[in-house]
C-alpha atoms as a PDB file:
ATOM      1  CA  MET A   1       0.000   0.000   0.000  1.00  0.00           C
ATOM      2  CA  ALA A   2       1.260   3.481  -0.881  1.00  0.00           C
ATOM      3  CA  GLU A   3       2.592   5.739   1.843  1.00  0.00           C
ATOM      4  CA  PRO A   4       0.218   8.327   3.340  1.00  0.00           C
ATOM      5  CA  VAL A   5       0.890  11.941   2.347  1.00  0.00           C
ATOM      6  CA  LEU A   6      -1.839  13.575   4.468  1.00  0.00           C
ATOM      7  CA  VAL A   7      -3.592  12.058   7.482  1.00  0.00           C
ATOM      8  CA  LEU A   8      -6.275  13.708   9.611  1.00  0.00           C
ATOM      9  CA  ARG A   9      -7.455  11.773  12.659  1.00  0.00           C
ATOM     10  CA  ASP A  10     -10.571  12.957  14.489  1.00  0.00           C
ATOM     11  CA  VAL A  11      -9.749  16.567  13.588  1.00  0.00           C
ATOM     12  CA  THR A  12     -12.038  19.226  15.049  1.00  0.00           C
ATOM     13  CA  VAL A  13     -11.741  22.976  14.515  1.00  0.00           C
ATOM     14  CA  ARG A  14     -13.768  25.386  16.649  1.00  0.00           C
ATOM     15  CA  ARG A  15     -13.859  29.153  16.498  1.00  0.00           C
ATOM     16  CA  GLY A  16     -15.893  30.571  19.359  1.00  0.00           C
ATOM     17  CA  ALA A  17     -19.258  28.829  19.371  1.00  0.00           C
ATOM     18  CA  ALA A  18     -18.871  27.652  15.762  1.00  0.00           C
ATOM     19  CA  THR A  19     -17.599  24.184  14.880  1.00  0.00           C
ATOM     20  CA  LEU A  20     -15.932  24.397  11.461  1.00  0.00           C
ATOM     21  CA  LEU A  21     -14.741  20.775  11.333  1.00  0.00           C
ATOM     22  CA  ASN A  22     -16.129  18.004  13.472  1.00  0.00           C
ATOM     23  CA  GLY A  23     -14.201  14.755  13.976  1.00  0.00           C
ATOM     24  CA  VAL A  24     -12.831  14.551  10.427  1.00  0.00           C
ATOM     25  CA  ASP A  25     -10.851  11.457   9.412  1.00  0.00           C
ATOM     26  CA  LEU A  26      -8.995  11.480   6.088  1.00  0.00           C
ATOM     27  CA  THR A  27      -6.049   9.602   4.621  1.00  0.00           C
ATOM     28  CA  VAL A  28      -4.560  10.716   1.305  1.00  0.00           C
ATOM     29  CA  ARG A  29      -1.905   8.384  -0.113  1.00  0.00           C
ATOM     30  CA  ASP A  30       0.836   8.791  -2.645  1.00  0.00           C
ATOM     31  CA  GLY A  31      -0.534   8.320  -6.157  1.00  0.00           C
ATOM     32  CA  GLU A  32      -4.035   9.505  -5.249  1.00  0.00           C
ATOM     33  CA  SER A  33      -5.797  12.732  -6.236  1.00  0.00           C
ATOM     34  CA  TRP A  34      -8.730  13.967  -4.149  1.00  0.00           C
ATOM     35  CA  ALA A  35     -11.664  16.307  -4.691  1.00  0.00           C
ATOM     36  CA  VAL A  36     -13.387  17.768  -1.623  1.00  0.00           C
ATOM     37  CA  LEU A  37     -17.033  18.688  -2.234  1.00  0.00           C
ATOM     38  CA  GLY A  38     -19.647  20.406  -0.121  1.00  0.00           C
ATOM     39  CA  SER A  39     -21.907  23.441   0.046  1.00  0.00           C
ATOM     40  CA  ASN A  40     -20.962  26.863   1.450  1.00  0.00           C
ATOM     41  CA  GLY A  41     -19.903  26.582   5.081  1.00  0.00           C
ATOM     42  CA  ALA A  42     -19.247  22.845   4.873  1.00  0.00           C
ATOM     43  CA  GLY A  43     -15.663  23.260   6.126  1.00  0.00           C
ATOM     44  CA  LYS A  44     -13.794  22.707   2.853  1.00  0.00           C
ATOM     45  CA  THR A  45     -11.507  25.734   3.066  1.00  0.00           C
ATOM     46  CA  THR A  46     -10.885  25.067   6.762  1.00  0.00           C
ATOM     47  CA  LEU A  47      -9.793  21.517   5.947  1.00  0.00           C
ATOM     48  CA  LEU A  48      -7.405  22.835   3.290  1.00  0.00           C
ATOM     49  CA  ALA A  49      -5.923  25.327   5.765  1.00  0.00           C
ATOM     50  CA  VAL A  50      -5.287  22.508   8.245  1.00  0.00           C
ATOM     51  CA  ALA A  51      -3.609  20.471   5.500  1.00  0.00           C
ATOM     52  CA  ALA A  52      -1.498  23.494   4.530  1.00  0.00           C
ATOM     53  CA  THR A  53      -0.338  23.849   8.185  1.00  0.00           C
ATOM     54  CA  THR A  54      -1.664  27.432   8.308  1.00  0.00           C
ATOM     55  CA  LEU A  55      -4.413  26.494  10.773  1.00  0.00           C
ATOM     56  CA  SER A  56      -4.031  24.289  13.848  1.00  0.00           C
ATOM     57  CA  PRO A  57      -6.956  22.065  14.838  1.00  0.00           C
ATOM     58  CA  THR A  58      -8.662  22.449  18.196  1.00  0.00           C
ATOM     59  CA  SER A  59      -8.305  18.704  18.713  1.00  0.00           C
ATOM     60  CA  GLY A  60      -7.188  15.631  16.786  1.00  0.00           C
ATOM     61  CA  THR A  61      -3.905  14.867  15.048  1.00  0.00           C
ATOM     62  CA  VAL A  62      -2.529  15.887  11.655  1.00  0.00           C
ATOM     63  CA  GLU A  63       0.281  14.222   9.707  1.00  0.00           C
ATOM     64  CA  VAL A  64       1.627  15.967   6.619  1.00  0.00           C
ATOM     65  CA  LEU A  65       4.370  14.415   4.485  1.00  0.00           C
ATOM     66  CA  GLY A  66       5.364  12.088   7.295  1.00  0.00           C
ATOM     67  CA  GLU A  67       5.527  14.814   9.965  1.00  0.00           C
ATOM     68  CA  THR A  68       3.134  14.803  12.921  1.00  0.00           C
ATOM     69  CA  LEU A  69       1.935  18.260  13.902  1.00  0.00           C
ATOM     70  CA  GLY A  70       0.557  19.411  17.230  1.00  0.00           C
ATOM     71  CA  PRO A  71       1.321  21.264  20.470  1.00  0.00           C
ATOM     72  CA  GLN A  72       3.938  18.698  21.478  1.00  0.00           C
ATOM     73  CA  SER A  73       5.549  18.511  18.041  1.00  0.00           C
ATOM     74  CA  ASP A  74       8.993  19.944  17.338  1.00  0.00           C
ATOM     75  CA  VAL A  75       8.365  20.092  13.570  1.00  0.00           C
ATOM     76  CA  ASP A  76       9.377  23.413  11.989  1.00  0.00           C
ATOM     77  CA  VAL A  77       6.350  24.210   9.812  1.00  0.00           C
ATOM     78  CA  TYR A  78       8.342  26.898   8.000  1.00  0.00           C
ATOM     79  CA  GLU A  79      10.619  24.173   6.669  1.00  0.00           C
ATOM     80  CA  LEU A  80       7.648  21.946   5.885  1.00  0.00           C
ATOM     81  CA  ARG A  81       5.541  24.512   4.015  1.00  0.00           C
ATOM     82  CA  PRO A  82       7.773  24.769   0.903  1.00  0.00           C
ATOM     83  CA  ARG A  83       6.931  21.090   0.341  1.00  0.00           C
ATOM     84  CA  ILE A  84       3.233  22.065   0.190  1.00  0.00           C
ATOM     85  CA  GLY A  85       1.831  24.106  -2.691  1.00  0.00           C
ATOM     86  CA  LEU A  86      -1.289  26.166  -1.950  1.00  0.00           C
ATOM     87  CA  ALA A  87      -3.382  28.087  -4.479  1.00  0.00           C
ATOM     88  CA  SER A  88      -6.319  29.993  -3.045  1.00  0.00           C
ATOM     89  CA  THR A  89      -8.293  33.186  -3.457  1.00  0.00           C
ATOM     90  CA  SER A  90      -6.759  34.560  -0.257  1.00  0.00           C
ATOM     91  CA  VAL A  91      -3.272  34.246  -1.756  1.00  0.00           C
ATOM     92  CA  GLY A  92      -4.416  35.825  -5.021  1.00  0.00           C
ATOM     93  CA  GLU A  93      -6.009  38.782  -3.221  1.00  0.00           C
ATOM     94  CA  ARG A  94      -2.687  39.612  -1.539  1.00  0.00           C
ATOM     95  CA  MET A  95      -0.787  39.713  -4.826  1.00  0.00           C
ATOM     96  CA  PRO A  96       0.316  43.283  -5.716  1.00  0.00           C
ATOM     97  CA  ALA A  97      -1.525  44.473  -8.819  1.00  0.00           C
ATOM     98  CA  GLY A  98       1.688  45.822 -10.324  1.00  0.00           C
ATOM     99  CA  GLU A  99       3.722  42.652  -9.744  1.00  0.00           C
ATOM    100  CA  LEU A 100       5.009  41.032 -12.931  1.00  0.00           C
ATOM    101  CA  VAL A 101       3.599  37.542 -13.437  1.00  0.00           C
ATOM    102  CA  ARG A 102       7.041  35.904 -13.479  1.00  0.00           C
ATOM    103  CA  ASP A 103       7.836  37.618 -10.163  1.00  0.00           C
ATOM    104  CA  ALA A 104       4.507  36.527  -8.679  1.00  0.00           C
ATOM    105  CA  VAL A 105       5.585  32.945  -9.385  1.00  0.00           C
ATOM    106  CA  VAL A 106       9.285  33.042  -8.487  1.00  0.00           C
ATOM    107  CA  THR A 107       8.703  34.683  -5.078  1.00  0.00           C
ATOM    108  CA  ALA A 108       7.138  31.440  -3.869  1.00  0.00           C
ATOM    109  CA  GLY A 109      10.746  30.244  -3.438  1.00  0.00           C
ATOM    110  CA  TYR A 110      11.048  32.571  -0.428  1.00  0.00           C
ATOM    111  CA  ALA A 111       7.390  32.209   0.561  1.00  0.00           C
ATOM    112  CA  VAL A 112       6.891  35.956   0.121  1.00  0.00           C
ATOM    113  CA  ILE A 113       4.364  37.973  -1.861  1.00  0.00           C
ATOM    114  CA  GLY A 114       5.864  40.948  -3.654  1.00  0.00           C
ATOM    115  CA  ARG A 115       9.403  40.769  -5.017  1.00  0.00           C
ATOM    116  CA  GLY A 116      11.876  42.757  -2.925  1.00  0.00           C
ATOM    117  CA  SER A 117      15.613  42.640  -2.388  1.00  0.00           C
ATOM    118  CA  GLU A 118      15.852  38.855  -2.024  1.00  0.00           C
ATOM    119  CA  TYR A 119      18.197  37.085  -4.447  1.00  0.00           C
ATOM    120  CA  TYR A 120      16.987  34.567  -7.012  1.00  0.00           C
ATOM    121  CA  ASP A 121      19.266  32.350  -9.039  1.00  0.00           C
ATOM    122  CA  PRO A 122      18.777  32.523 -12.836  1.00  0.00           C
ATOM    123  CA  ALA A 123      17.654  28.895 -12.606  1.00  0.00           C
ATOM    124  CA  ASP A 124      14.747  30.060 -10.422  1.00  0.00           C
ATOM    125  CA  ASP A 125      13.574  32.487 -13.104  1.00  0.00           C
ATOM    126  CA  GLU A 126      13.926  29.762 -15.731  1.00  0.00           C
ATOM    127  CA  ARG A 127      11.848  27.367 -13.622  1.00  0.00           C
ATOM    128  CA  ALA A 128       9.127  29.999 -13.151  1.00  0.00           C
ATOM    129  CA  LEU A 129       8.932  30.563 -16.900  1.00  0.00           C
ATOM    130  CA  HIS A 130       8.892  26.801 -17.554  1.00  0.00           C
ATOM    131  CA  ILE A 131       5.951  26.285 -15.179  1.00  0.00           C
ATOM    132  CA  LEU A 132       4.092  29.210 -16.726  1.00  0.00           C
ATOM    133  CA  GLU A 133       4.622  27.629 -20.137  1.00  0.00           C
ATOM    134  CA  GLN A 134       3.237  24.304 -18.895  1.00  0.00           C
ATOM    135  CA  LEU A 135       0.097  26.103 -17.724  1.00  0.00           C
ATOM    136  CA  GLY A 136      -0.286  28.062 -20.943  1.00  0.00           C
ATOM    137  CA  CYS A 137       0.812  31.383 -19.395  1.00  0.00           C
ATOM    138  CA  ARG A 138       4.277  31.971 -20.867  1.00  0.00           C
ATOM    139  CA  ARG A 139       3.009  34.784 -23.075  1.00  0.00           C
ATOM    140  CA  ILE A 140       1.822  36.815 -20.055  1.00  0.00           C
ATOM    141  CA  ALA A 141       5.014  36.428 -17.989  1.00  0.00           C
ATOM    142  CA  GLU A 142       5.931  40.113 -18.383  1.00  0.00           C
ATOM    143  CA  ARG A 143       2.441  41.468 -17.717  1.00  0.00           C
ATOM    144  CA  ALA A 144       1.289  42.966 -14.426  1.00  0.00           C
ATOM    145  CA  TYR A 145      -0.790  40.609 -12.311  1.00  0.00           C
ATOM    146  CA  GLY A 146      -3.544  43.217 -11.969  1.00  0.00           C
ATOM    147  CA  THR A 147      -4.163  43.257 -15.733  1.00  0.00           C
ATOM    148  CA  LEU A 148      -4.971  39.540 -15.976  1.00  0.00           C
ATOM    149  CA  SER A 149      -8.347  37.916 -16.504  1.00  0.00           C
ATOM    150  CA  GLU A 150      -9.748  35.736 -13.737  1.00  0.00           C
ATOM    151  CA  GLY A 151      -8.795  32.581 -15.628  1.00  0.00           C
ATOM    152  CA  GLU A 152      -5.226  33.804 -16.119  1.00  0.00           C
ATOM    153  CA  ARG A 153      -4.953  34.698 -12.431  1.00  0.00           C
ATOM    154  CA  LYS A 154      -6.070  31.210 -11.426  1.00  0.00           C
ATOM    155  CA  ARG A 155      -3.381  29.628 -13.581  1.00  0.00           C
ATOM    156  CA  VAL A 156      -0.707  31.992 -12.249  1.00  0.00           C
ATOM    157  CA  GLN A 157      -1.716  31.096  -8.678  1.00  0.00           C
ATOM    158  CA  ILE A 158      -1.306  27.398  -9.526  1.00  0.00           C
ATOM    159  CA  ALA A 159       2.057  28.105 -11.181  1.00  0.00           C
ATOM    160  CA  ARG A 160       3.171  29.842  -7.987  1.00  0.00           C
ATOM    161  CA  ALA A 161       2.003  26.844  -5.939  1.00  0.00           C
ATOM    162  CA  LEU A 162       4.108  24.553  -8.165  1.00  0.00           C
ATOM    163  CA  MET A 163       7.230  26.728  -8.011  1.00  0.00           C
ATOM    164  CA  THR A 164       8.810  24.923  -5.043  1.00  0.00           C
ATOM    165  CA  ASP A 165       8.222  21.494  -6.637  1.00  0.00           C
ATOM    166  CA  PRO A 166       5.799  20.525  -3.842  1.00  0.00           C
ATOM    167  CA  GLU A 167       4.931  16.990  -2.850  1.00  0.00           C
ATOM    168  CA  LEU A 168       1.386  18.041  -1.928  1.00  0.00           C
ATOM    169  CA  LEU A 169      -0.652  20.512  -4.010  1.00  0.00           C
ATOM    170  CA  LEU A 170      -3.747  22.090  -2.423  1.00  0.00           C
ATOM    171  CA  LEU A 171      -6.194  24.006  -4.637  1.00  0.00           C
ATOM    172  CA  ASP A 172      -9.097  25.961  -3.171  1.00  0.00           C
ATOM    173  CA  GLU A 173     -11.873  26.250  -5.786  1.00  0.00           C
ATOM    174  CA  PRO A 174      -9.497  26.688  -8.744  1.00  0.00           C
ATOM    175  CA  ALA A 175     -12.355  26.947 -11.271  1.00  0.00           C
ATOM    176  CA  ALA A 176     -14.566  29.348  -9.291  1.00  0.00           C
ATOM    177  CA  GLY A 177     -15.645  32.394 -11.270  1.00  0.00           C
ATOM    178  CA  LEU A 178     -14.395  31.113 -14.612  1.00  0.00           C
ATOM    179  CA  ASP A 179     -16.452  31.039 -17.782  1.00  0.00           C
ATOM    180  CA  LEU A 180     -16.972  27.721 -19.529  1.00  0.00           C
ATOM    181  CA  GLY A 181     -13.977  28.012 -21.863  1.00  0.00           C
ATOM    182  CA  ALA A 182     -11.570  29.112 -19.115  1.00  0.00           C
ATOM    183  CA  ARG A 183     -12.843  26.369 -16.807  1.00  0.00           C
ATOM    184  CA  GLU A 184     -12.324  23.629 -19.366  1.00  0.00           C
ATOM    185  CA  ALA A 185      -8.845  24.922 -20.247  1.00  0.00           C
ATOM    186  CA  LEU A 186      -7.882  24.925 -16.574  1.00  0.00           C
ATOM    187  CA  LEU A 187      -9.257  21.428 -15.928  1.00  0.00           C
ATOM    188  CA  ARG A 188      -7.350  20.121 -18.945  1.00  0.00           C
ATOM    189  CA  ARG A 189      -4.108  21.485 -17.511  1.00  0.00           C
ATOM    190  CA  LEU A 190      -4.849  20.092 -14.051  1.00  0.00           C
ATOM    191  CA  THR A 191      -5.300  16.690 -15.645  1.00  0.00           C
ATOM    192  CA  ARG A 192      -1.805  17.021 -17.129  1.00  0.00           C
ATOM    193  CA  VAL A 193      -0.402  17.915 -13.700  1.00  0.00           C
ATOM    194  CA  MET A 194      -1.971  14.788 -12.208  1.00  0.00           C
ATOM    195  CA  ALA A 195      -0.710  12.635 -15.088  1.00  0.00           C
ATOM    196  CA  ASP A 196       2.913  13.654 -14.456  1.00  0.00           C
ATOM    197  CA  PRO A 197       4.616  10.690 -12.692  1.00  0.00           C
ATOM    198  CA  GLY A 198       6.827  13.118 -10.775  1.00  0.00           C
ATOM    199  CA  GLY A 199       4.004  15.511  -9.952  1.00  0.00           C
ATOM    200  CA  PRO A 200       2.510  16.269  -6.540  1.00  0.00           C
ATOM    201  CA  VAL A 201      -0.418  14.614  -4.828  1.00  0.00           C
ATOM    202  CA  LEU A 202      -3.424  16.849  -5.497  1.00  0.00           C
ATOM    203  CA  VAL A 203      -6.256  17.805  -3.144  1.00  0.00           C
ATOM    204  CA  MET A 204      -8.743  20.275  -4.621  1.00  0.00           C
ATOM    205  CA  VAL A 205     -11.866  21.890  -3.173  1.00  0.00           C
ATOM    206  CA  SER A 206     -14.984  22.639  -5.209  1.00  0.00           C
ATOM    207  CA  HIS A 207     -18.720  23.229  -4.944  1.00  0.00           C
ATOM    208  CA  HIS A 208     -19.491  21.594  -8.264  1.00  0.00           C
ATOM    209  CA  VAL A 209     -19.264  18.045  -9.577  1.00  0.00           C
ATOM    210  CA  GLU A 210     -18.706  19.476 -13.071  1.00  0.00           C
ATOM    211  CA  GLU A 211     -15.418  21.057 -11.929  1.00  0.00           C
ATOM    212  CA  ILE A 212     -13.791  17.724 -11.096  1.00  0.00           C
ATOM    213  CA  PRO A 213     -11.085  17.083 -13.720  1.00  0.00           C
ATOM    214  CA  PRO A 214     -10.279  13.667 -15.165  1.00  0.00           C
ATOM    215  CA  GLY A 215      -7.576  12.072 -13.056  1.00  0.00           C
ATOM    216  CA  ILE A 216      -9.239  12.575  -9.674  1.00  0.00           C
ATOM    217  CA  THR A 217      -9.253   9.186  -7.970  1.00  0.00           C
ATOM    218  CA  HIS A 218     -11.009   9.877  -4.658  1.00  0.00           C
ATOM    219  CA  VAL A 219     -13.723  12.150  -3.275  1.00  0.00           C
ATOM    220  CA  LEU A 220     -14.457  13.515   0.202  1.00  0.00           C
ATOM    221  CA  LEU A 221     -17.963  14.864   0.881  1.00  0.00           C
ATOM    222  CA  LEU A 222     -18.399  17.360   3.737  1.00  0.00           C
ATOM    223  CA  ARG A 223     -21.599  18.705   5.307  1.00  0.00           C
ATOM    224  CA  ALA A 224     -21.625  21.103   8.270  1.00  0.00           C
ATOM    225  CA  GLY A 225     -18.007  20.237   9.069  1.00  0.00           C
ATOM    226  CA  ALA A 226     -18.518  16.458   9.170  1.00  0.00           C
ATOM    227  CA  VAL A 227     -17.627  13.726   6.694  1.00  0.00           C
ATOM    228  CA  VAL A 228     -20.590  12.361   4.757  1.00  0.00           C
ATOM    229  CA  ALA A 229     -18.555   9.927   2.672  1.00  0.00           C
ATOM    230  CA  ALA A 230     -14.964   9.416   1.535  1.00  0.00           C
ATOM    231  CA  GLY A 231     -13.345   6.964  -0.845  1.00  0.00           C
ATOM    232  CA  PRO A 232     -12.822   6.062  -4.510  1.00  0.00           C
ATOM    233  CA  ILE A 233     -14.684   8.364  -6.870  1.00  0.00           C
ATOM    234  CA  ALA A 234     -16.785   5.590  -8.426  1.00  0.00           C
ATOM    235  CA  GLU A 235     -18.139   4.646  -4.984  1.00  0.00           C
ATOM    236  CA  VAL A 236     -18.639   8.100  -3.457  1.00  0.00           C
ATOM    237  CA  LEU A 237     -19.723  10.267  -6.390  1.00  0.00           C
ATOM    238  CA  THR A 238     -23.172   8.738  -6.681  1.00  0.00           C
ATOM    239  CA  GLY A 239     -26.677  10.037  -6.070  1.00  0.00           C
ATOM    240  CA  GLU A 240     -27.280   8.831  -2.519  1.00  0.00           C
ATOM    241  CA  PRO A 241     -24.164  10.215  -0.746  1.00  0.00           C
ATOM    242  CA  LEU A 242     -24.198  13.406  -2.832  1.00  0.00           C
ATOM    243  CA  SER A 243     -27.850  13.955  -1.904  1.00  0.00           C
ATOM    244  CA  ARG A 244     -26.986  13.619   1.790  1.00  0.00           C
ATOM    245  CA  CYS A 245     -24.075  16.020   1.318  1.00  0.00           C
ATOM    246  CA  PHE A 246     -26.117  18.822  -0.266  1.00  0.00           C
ATOM    247  CA  GLY A 247     -29.486  18.089   1.342  1.00  0.00           C
ATOM    248  CA  LEU A 248     -31.252  17.697  -2.011  1.00  0.00           C
ATOM    249  CA  PRO A 249     -32.303  14.678  -4.082  1.00  0.00           C
ATOM    250  CA  LEU A 250     -29.565  14.598  -6.713  1.00  0.00           C
ATOM    251  CA  ALA A 251     -28.830  12.348  -9.669  1.00  0.00           C
ATOM    252  CA  VAL A 252     -25.218  11.909 -10.825  1.00  0.00           C
ATOM    253  CA  GLU A 253     -24.266  11.072 -14.382  1.00  0.00           C
ATOM    254  CA  GLN A 254     -20.864  10.241 -15.841  1.00  0.00           C
ATOM    255  CA  VAL A 255     -20.622  12.381 -18.977  1.00  0.00           C
ATOM    256  CA  GLY A 256     -17.255  11.272 -20.328  1.00  0.00           C
ATOM    257  CA  ALA A 257     -13.934   9.791 -19.304  1.00  0.00           C
ATOM    258  CA  GLY A 258     -13.511  10.984 -15.735  1.00  0.00           C
ATOM    259  CA  ARG A 259     -16.145  13.761 -15.964  1.00  0.00           C
ATOM    260  CA  TYR A 260     -19.385  13.928 -14.012  1.00  0.00           C
ATOM    261  CA  SER A 261     -22.570  15.973 -13.878  1.00  0.00           C
ATOM    262  CA  ALA A 262     -25.162  16.357 -11.120  1.00  0.00           C
ATOM    263  CA  ARG A 263     -28.735  17.608 -11.294  1.00  0.00           C
ATOM    264  CA  LEU A 264     -31.893  17.589  -9.251  1.00  0.00           C
ATOM    265  CA  ALA A 265     -33.388  14.113  -9.384  1.00  0.00           C
ATOM    266  CA  PRO A 266     -36.811  13.917 -11.016  1.00  0.00           C
ATOM    267  CA  PRO A 267     -39.649  13.226  -8.588  1.00  0.00           C
ATOM    268  CA  ARG A 268     -40.613   9.611  -8.255  1.00  0.00           C
ATOM    269  CA  ARG A 269     -43.851   8.650  -9.920  1.00  0.00           C
ATOM    270  CA  VAL A 270     -46.317   6.626  -7.909  1.00  0.00           C
ATOM    271  CA  ALA A 271     -48.147   4.106 -10.029  1.00  0.00           C
ATOM    272  CA  SER A 272     -51.860   4.806 -10.026  1.00  0.00           C
ATOM    273  CA  VAL A 273     -54.247   1.993  -9.117  1.00  0.00           C
ATOM    274  CA  PRO A 274     -57.195   1.760 -11.517  1.00  0.00           C
ATOM    275  CA  GLN A 275     -60.486   2.222  -9.745  1.00  0.00           C
ATOM    276  CA  GLN A 276     -63.014  -0.587 -10.044  1.00  0.00           C
ATOM    277  CA  SER A 277     -66.498   0.179 -11.254  1.00  0.00           C
ATOM    278  CA  PRO A 278     -69.141  -0.433  -8.597  1.00  0.00           C
ATOM    279  CA  ALA A 279     -70.737  -3.849  -8.916  1.00  0.00           C
ATOM    280  CA  ARG A 280     -74.119  -3.872 -10.571  1.00  0.00           C
ATOM    281  CA  ARG A 281     -77.052  -5.034  -8.552  1.00  0.00           C
ATOM    282  CA  THR A 282     -79.082  -7.842 -10.023  1.00  0.00           C
ATOM    283  CA  GLY A 283     -82.546  -9.103  -9.243  1.00  0.00           C
END
């Protein structure tokens, strides 16, 4: 069995009176790619923050890339974080509008946002440009980040997350806000990332079944901070668990190799019983 890359055991996160995650168990192994689905407030972004080591759980244990984290741990998370790539809206919002795209990517090497006086080897700049090319963004390398479309920004955020050659790649709603063409282009490139034998283990968060790219092997369903179901995609991404996750009767359809669609299930029809004519009286 492949080695675990991310393990959450009975993880709970509370903030004041709110419980954001409640007793979550999850094991992500080398060679797997996971999609985390759930409605707004389900705890998806909180789970990703725990996995990224930027948020400590209230209780439970977390293991990331073989390191156990917690109050008694002597793990230096600042040494661990370069091994984890994170692309999220919060990171994108902190990016200076005037920052050149290539600088927005290369600064991940120092885990800073906004290029300053730090030194980068020419090989770092070459790697940033190579990753941008892989994601179809080489032509915008010299443009300011603030001039990009939403789809271009999403790809630049992923390029930045890949800059340190991470072993674990965490994507928070990478297709959110994209039009159909930009979404499909992004999902195609994510599929290539997952197909790379030397690529990172991927965990991505989404609201929508349609945003799951081919190559995802496992799915975690969250509702109100708790796990509804988790496991291989063919077992979990079906009508019954998805309906429990979103609180609606849903039907799931596979619409191509590794692509899925969900819609409201049609109401069940109750067979009508033909009424018998009253018996005629004789005599």
